[in-house]
Amino acid sequence: MFALFVLHHILNRKWCQGIFRVRYTPYRILQTVLVLLILLSMCGSMISGILLSRTVFSFLGTRSGQTTARTVHMLSAYWGFVFMSLHLGLHWGGIMGLARKLTKKPSKYRKWTLRGMAALVVAYGAYAFVKRDFGEFLLLRIHFVFFNFDEPLTLFLLDYVAIFSFFAVLGYYVSKIMRQQQSKSTPQ
């Protein structure tokens, strides 16, 4: 995950280089805060994972603080999942712009079909969020994650993809609203 994080920032180095040079709009503040929260959750996952490791990092001899490390690891993983989903949502407009350029001619049927499918996935994501007690993990009301081995892995993964989609769409519409507000407040 950390390697992907570094690669992502290498590919987006212009954004990183402008971090202290650009004018900070509410949208840019949201982007920056989200990136910092993702970095924080990744650091929390890595450090707590090292402390929890009994095999790879056994030479460190870390036996104390296991309970705290487990708590930090779980919080970092679940909140990191939410932050990454929201981050993707903030950039979804750009991704869709690239997809539009690749299609030969626009189609209202295709557009509304895809929107309908997205709405179904998001609705199922909201349902899966509740069904999987995702909010309980985010608020640390549940301290351990147990995998149900009687459930097919595919269904588990589909639920989490739907939850990811739910937050990504939330991020997309938040960014859309913020950009509309920004364009209204910018003098012509």
Protein backbone atom coordinates (compact mmCIF):
# COMPACT_ATOMS: atom_id res chain seq x y z
CA MET A 1 0.00 0.00 0.00
CA PHE A 2 2.80 2.38 0.87
CA ALA A 3 4.54 1.66 -2.44
CA LEU A 4 1.30 2.47 -4.30
CA PHE A 5 0.94 5.64 -2.23
CA VAL A 6 4.47 6.74 -3.19
CA LEU A 7 3.92 5.84 -6.87
CA HIS A 8 0.63 7.77 -6.88
CA HIS A 9 2.38 10.87 -5.55
CA ILE A 10 5.24 10.52 -8.02
CA LEU A 11 2.69 10.45 -10.84
CA ASN A 12 0.93 13.45 -9.29
CA ARG A 13 4.07 15.37 -8.31
CA LYS A 14 2.76 18.64 -9.80
CA TRP A 15 -0.01 18.63 -7.20
CA CYS A 16 2.54 17.95 -4.47
CA GLN A 17 4.90 20.66 -5.74
CA GLY A 18 2.09 23.20 -5.66
CA ILE A 19 1.08 22.40 -2.09
CA PHE A 20 2.69 25.59 -0.74
CA ARG A 21 2.34 27.71 -3.88
CA VAL A 22 -1.34 27.60 -4.78
CA ARG A 23 -4.27 29.61 -3.45
CA TYR A 24 -6.23 27.41 -1.07
CA THR A 25 -9.90 27.18 -1.98
CA PRO A 26 -12.27 25.12 0.21
CA TYR A 27 -11.99 22.32 -2.37
CA ARG A 28 -8.17 22.39 -2.27
CA ILE A 29 -8.27 22.39 1.54
CA LEU A 30 -10.52 19.32 1.47
CA GLN A 31 -8.16 17.56 -0.97
CA THR A 32 -5.12 18.35 1.17
CA VAL A 33 -6.75 17.32 4.43
CA LEU A 34 -7.90 14.06 2.85
CA VAL A 35 -4.38 13.31 1.57
CA LEU A 36 -2.96 13.98 5.04
CA LEU A 37 -5.60 11.73 6.63
CA ILE A 38 -4.74 8.96 4.17
CA LEU A 39 -1.04 9.36 5.01
CA LEU A 40 -1.84 9.29 8.73
CA SER A 41 -3.98 6.15 8.39
CA MET A 42 -1.27 4.45 6.31
CA CYS A 43 1.40 5.29 8.88
CA GLY A 44 -0.90 4.01 11.62
CA SER A 45 -1.45 0.76 9.71
CA MET A 46 2.25 0.26 9.04
CA ILE A 47 3.51 1.04 12.53
CA SER A 48 0.79 -0.98 14.26
CA GLY A 49 1.32 -3.83 11.76
CA ILE A 50 5.02 -3.93 12.63
CA LEU A 51 4.17 -3.96 16.35
CA LEU A 52 1.65 -6.77 15.83
CA SER A 53 3.95 -8.88 13.65
CA ARG A 54 5.14 -12.05 15.29
CA THR A 55 6.89 -13.43 12.22
CA VAL A 56 8.40 -10.83 9.88
CA PHE A 57 9.47 -8.42 12.59
CA SER A 58 9.93 -10.98 15.40
CA PHE A 59 13.52 -9.79 15.87
CA LEU A 60 12.16 -6.51 17.27
CA GLY A 61 10.79 -8.37 20.26
CA THR A 62 7.67 -6.20 20.53
CA ARG A 63 5.34 -7.98 22.90
CA SER A 64 3.93 -5.08 24.91
CA GLY A 65 1.24 -2.77 23.55
CA GLN A 66 -0.47 -5.44 21.46
CA THR A 67 -3.97 -4.30 22.45
CA THR A 68 -3.27 -0.68 21.55
CA ALA A 69 -1.54 -1.70 18.31
CA ARG A 70 -4.53 -3.86 17.34
CA THR A 71 -6.92 -0.97 18.01
CA VAL A 72 -4.80 1.50 16.00
CA HIS A 73 -4.46 -1.04 13.19
CA MET A 74 -8.20 -1.58 12.93
CA LEU A 75 -9.04 2.13 13.10
CA SER A 76 -6.35 2.96 10.54
CA ALA A 77 -7.56 0.28 8.15
CA TYR A 78 -11.25 1.18 8.30
CA TRP A 79 -10.76 4.95 8.25
CA GLY A 80 -8.11 4.60 5.51
CA PHE A 81 -10.67 2.69 3.44
CA VAL A 82 -13.16 5.56 3.84
CA PHE A 83 -10.56 8.26 3.13
CA MET A 84 -9.32 6.50 -0.03
CA SER A 85 -12.90 6.06 -1.23
CA LEU A 86 -13.62 9.75 -0.72
CA HIS A 87 -10.33 10.66 -2.43
CA LEU A 88 -11.29 8.63 -5.50
CA GLY A 89 -14.69 10.33 -5.48
CA LEU A 90 -13.07 13.78 -5.49
CA HIS A 91 -11.31 12.84 -8.73
CA TRP A 92 -14.14 10.89 -10.35
CA GLY A 93 -15.17 13.81 -12.55
CA GLY A 94 -11.71 13.82 -14.14
CA ILE A 95 -11.82 10.06 -14.64
CA MET A 96 -15.22 10.34 -16.33
CA GLY A 97 -13.88 13.19 -18.50
CA LEU A 98 -11.14 10.86 -19.77
CA ALA A 99 -13.69 8.11 -20.39
CA ARG A 100 -15.84 10.56 -22.40
CA LYS A 101 -12.87 11.39 -24.61
CA LEU A 102 -12.30 7.69 -25.34
CA THR A 103 -15.88 7.04 -26.48
CA LYS A 104 -16.56 7.81 -30.12
CA LYS A 105 -19.93 9.47 -29.71
CA PRO A 106 -22.02 10.35 -26.66
CA SER A 107 -25.09 8.32 -25.86
CA LYS A 108 -27.88 9.43 -23.53
CA TYR A 109 -28.98 5.80 -23.19
CA ARG A 110 -25.51 4.72 -22.08
CA LYS A 111 -25.22 7.71 -19.72
CA TRP A 112 -28.53 6.99 -17.97
CA THR A 113 -27.91 3.24 -17.90
CA LEU A 114 -24.56 3.79 -16.18
CA ARG A 115 -26.11 6.28 -13.75
CA GLY A 116 -28.86 3.78 -12.92
CA MET A 117 -26.31 1.03 -12.33
CA ALA A 118 -24.26 3.39 -10.15
CA ALA A 119 -27.37 4.27 -8.13
CA LEU A 120 -28.06 0.57 -7.52
CA VAL A 121 -24.46 -0.06 -6.43
CA VAL A 122 -24.56 2.96 -4.09
CA ALA A 123 -27.90 1.88 -2.60
CA TYR A 124 -26.51 -1.60 -2.03
CA GLY A 125 -23.35 -0.02 -0.57
CA ALA A 126 -25.45 1.84 2.00
CA TYR A 127 -27.21 -1.44 2.83
CA ALA A 128 -23.86 -3.31 3.07
CA PHE A 129 -22.48 -0.53 5.30
CA VAL A 130 -25.26 -1.26 7.81
CA LYS A 131 -25.25 -5.05 7.28
CA ARG A 132 -21.48 -5.31 7.87
CA ASP A 133 -21.58 -2.97 10.92
CA PHE A 134 -19.02 -0.79 9.16
CA GLY A 135 -19.93 2.27 11.24
CA GLU A 136 -19.41 0.27 14.41
CA PHE A 137 -15.80 -0.42 13.38
CA LEU A 138 -15.23 3.24 12.48
CA LEU A 139 -16.46 4.32 15.91
CA LEU A 140 -14.58 1.48 17.66
CA ARG A 141 -17.71 -0.04 19.11
CA ILE A 142 -16.50 -3.41 17.82
CA HIS A 143 -12.88 -4.20 18.67
CA PHE A 144 -12.25 -7.36 16.64
CA VAL A 145 -12.95 -8.32 13.05
CA PHE A 146 -13.91 -11.92 12.46
CA PHE A 147 -14.21 -13.37 8.98
CA ASN A 148 -17.15 -15.71 8.41
CA PHE A 149 -15.58 -18.68 6.62
CA ASP A 150 -19.05 -20.01 5.76
CA GLU A 151 -19.65 -16.97 3.55
CA PRO A 152 -18.23 -16.98 0.02
CA LEU A 153 -15.27 -14.60 -0.33
CA THR A 154 -16.87 -13.13 -3.47
CA LEU A 155 -19.90 -11.86 -1.51
CA PHE A 156 -17.66 -10.35 1.15
CA LEU A 157 -15.58 -8.54 -1.49
CA LEU A 158 -18.67 -7.34 -3.39
CA ASP A 159 -20.04 -5.82 -0.20
CA TYR A 160 -16.81 -3.94 0.40
CA VAL A 161 -16.64 -2.77 -3.24
CA ALA A 162 -20.19 -1.47 -2.84
CA ILE A 163 -19.28 0.32 0.42
CA PHE A 164 -16.23 1.80 -1.31
CA SER A 165 -18.49 2.96 -4.16
CA PHE A 166 -20.92 4.49 -1.68
CA PHE A 167 -18.18 6.70 -0.19
CA ALA A 168 -16.66 7.45 -3.61
CA VAL A 169 -20.01 8.75 -4.88
CA LEU A 170 -20.38 10.77 -1.69
CA GLY A 171 -16.95 12.29 -2.36
CA TYR A 172 -17.87 12.97 -5.98
CA TYR A 173 -21.02 14.90 -5.10
CA VAL A 174 -19.30 16.82 -2.29
CA SER A 175 -16.61 17.89 -4.78
CA LYS A 176 -19.23 18.78 -7.38
CA ILE A 177 -21.14 20.96 -4.91
CA MET A 178 -17.94 22.61 -3.68
CA ARG A 179 -16.80 23.39 -7.23
CA GLN A 180 -20.22 24.83 -8.11
CA GLN A 181 -20.08 27.05 -5.01
CA GLN A 182 -16.55 28.09 -5.90
CA SER A 183 -17.51 29.05 -9.46
CA LYS A 184 -20.48 31.08 -8.16
CA SER A 185 -18.28 33.00 -5.74
CA THR A 186 -15.52 33.67 -8.30
CA PRO A 187 -16.11 37.00 -10.05
CA GLN A 188 -16.43 36.76 -13.84
